[in-house]
Amino acid sequence: QVQLVESGGGLVQAGGSLRLSCAASGSIFSISTMGWYRQAPGKQRELVAYSTSGGYTNYADSVKERFTISADKAKRTVYLQMTSLKPEDTAVYYCNVEIPIFGDFWGQGTQVTVSS
């Protein structure tokens, strides 16, 4: 069984910064991808960014140049550094981990609220 524990969400003013963390634990032999998704009220869940085991990263256009994803393989932890936050970044942010053979696992979500 795989557990994902997220932290770092909160309330911040526009232009501010937050750092999200997600630590994976459990019966994990390897991780192929770690990433972040978000879901705003009334909207579908969308990809924010992901990082592969080979070091490739990808970002949604809306967060490029503002967000940075990084992963600590030894700690099985993925981070999302968010800067220049905008009110439209307000959402519940979910950690996602893809494990070969076993599939996708999700965190419980952490609320990020950006006030104008």
Protein backbone atom coordinates (compact mmCIF):
# COMPACT_ATOMS: atom_id res chain seq x y z
CA GLN A 1 0.00 0.00 0.00
CA VAL A 2 1.15 3.50 -0.84
CA GLN A 3 0.55 6.60 1.24
CA LEU A 4 1.04 10.18 0.09
CA VAL A 5 1.19 12.95 2.66
CA GLU A 6 0.95 16.51 1.42
CA SER A 7 1.76 19.71 3.24
CA GLY A 8 2.40 23.37 2.61
CA GLY A 9 -0.92 24.75 1.45
CA GLY A 10 -2.47 27.87 2.90
CA LEU A 11 -3.63 31.41 2.34
CA VAL A 12 -1.35 33.90 0.62
CA GLN A 13 -1.71 37.27 -1.01
CA ALA A 14 -1.34 37.70 -4.74
CA GLY A 15 2.31 37.89 -5.67
CA GLY A 16 3.32 35.72 -2.75
CA SER A 17 4.91 32.29 -2.63
CA LEU A 18 4.16 28.87 -1.22
CA ARG A 19 5.95 25.54 -1.25
CA LEU A 20 4.05 22.29 -1.36
CA SER A 21 5.55 18.97 -0.33
CA CYS A 22 4.39 15.42 -0.88
CA ALA A 23 6.08 12.44 0.74
CA ALA A 24 5.43 8.92 -0.49
CA SER A 25 5.73 5.89 1.75
CA GLY A 26 4.79 2.24 1.73
CA SER A 27 5.63 -0.70 -0.49
CA ILE A 28 7.36 1.21 -3.23
CA PHE A 29 10.09 -0.34 -5.37
CA SER A 30 10.29 2.48 -7.84
CA ILE A 31 8.50 5.61 -8.93
CA SER A 32 8.26 6.59 -12.56
CA THR A 33 6.56 9.97 -12.18
CA MET A 34 5.69 12.39 -9.41
CA GLY A 35 3.51 15.38 -10.04
CA TRP A 36 0.93 17.87 -8.98
CA TYR A 37 -2.61 18.47 -10.16
CA ARG A 38 -5.13 21.04 -9.03
CA GLN A 39 -8.88 21.43 -9.02
CA ALA A 40 -10.63 24.75 -8.64
CA PRO A 41 -14.32 24.96 -7.63
CA GLY A 42 -16.56 24.04 -10.53
CA LYS A 43 -13.64 23.03 -12.73
CA GLN A 44 -12.02 19.77 -13.74
CA ARG A 45 -8.80 18.58 -12.22
CA GLU A 46 -5.85 19.73 -14.29
CA LEU A 47 -2.18 18.95 -14.50
CA VAL A 48 0.13 21.53 -12.95
CA ALA A 49 3.52 19.89 -13.32
CA TYR A 50 5.26 16.56 -13.22
CA SER A 51 8.76 15.15 -12.91
CA THR A 52 9.93 11.79 -14.20
CA SER A 53 12.52 9.47 -12.72
CA GLY A 54 14.81 10.44 -15.57
CA GLY A 55 14.69 14.08 -14.60
CA TYR A 56 12.28 15.35 -17.23
CA THR A 57 9.84 18.00 -16.08
CA ASN A 58 6.74 19.41 -17.67
CA TYR A 59 4.50 22.32 -16.74
CA ALA A 60 1.09 23.63 -17.61
CA ASP A 61 1.39 26.79 -19.67
CA SER A 62 -0.41 28.76 -16.97
CA VAL A 63 2.32 28.12 -14.40
CA LYS A 64 5.48 28.18 -16.51
CA GLU A 65 8.12 30.59 -15.23
CA ARG A 66 6.29 30.81 -11.89
CA PHE A 67 6.22 27.27 -10.50
CA THR A 68 9.10 24.84 -10.10
CA ILE A 69 8.77 21.13 -9.45
CA SER A 70 11.59 19.14 -7.89
CA ALA A 71 11.93 15.65 -6.50
CA ASP A 72 14.15 14.06 -3.89
CA LYS A 73 14.37 10.42 -4.94
CA ALA A 74 16.00 9.29 -1.71
CA LYS A 75 13.22 10.84 0.37
CA ARG A 76 10.54 9.91 -2.18
CA THR A 77 9.33 13.46 -1.88
CA VAL A 78 8.18 15.89 -4.54
CA TYR A 79 8.02 19.64 -4.06
CA LEU A 80 6.21 22.41 -5.85
CA GLN A 81 7.66 25.87 -5.37
CA MET A 82 5.03 28.40 -6.35
CA THR A 83 5.93 32.05 -6.83
CA SER A 84 4.11 35.11 -8.17
CA LEU A 85 0.86 33.49 -7.15
CA LYS A 86 -2.35 34.75 -8.69
CA PRO A 87 -5.97 34.48 -7.50
CA GLU A 88 -6.60 32.07 -10.36
CA ASP A 89 -4.11 29.66 -8.79
CA THR A 90 -6.62 29.11 -5.99
CA ALA A 91 -7.48 25.42 -5.92
CA VAL A 92 -7.04 22.17 -4.09
CA TYR A 93 -3.65 20.79 -5.08
CA TYR A 94 -3.22 17.03 -5.32
CA CYS A 95 -0.02 15.06 -5.37
CA ASN A 96 0.14 12.20 -7.87
CA VAL A 97 2.62 9.34 -8.01
CA GLU A 98 2.86 6.78 -10.78
CA ILE A 99 4.37 3.45 -9.78
CA PRO A 100 5.21 0.88 -12.44
CA ILE A 101 2.70 -2.00 -12.57
CA PHE A 102 0.65 -0.64 -9.67
CA GLY A 103 -0.55 2.56 -11.33
CA ASP A 104 -1.47 6.00 -10.00
CA PHE A 105 -1.83 7.07 -6.40
CA TRP A 106 -3.24 10.35 -5.10
CA GLY A 107 -2.75 12.48 -2.04
CA GLN A 108 -5.64 13.82 -0.01
CA GLY A 109 -5.24 17.33 -1.40
CA THR A 110 -4.11 20.60 0.14
CA GLN A 111 -5.93 23.89 -0.24
CA VAL A 112 -4.14 26.87 -1.76
CA THR A 113 -5.98 30.18 -1.59
CA VAL A 114 -4.60 33.32 -3.17
CA SER A 115 -6.27 36.57 -2.19
CA SER A 116 -6.31 39.62 -4.44
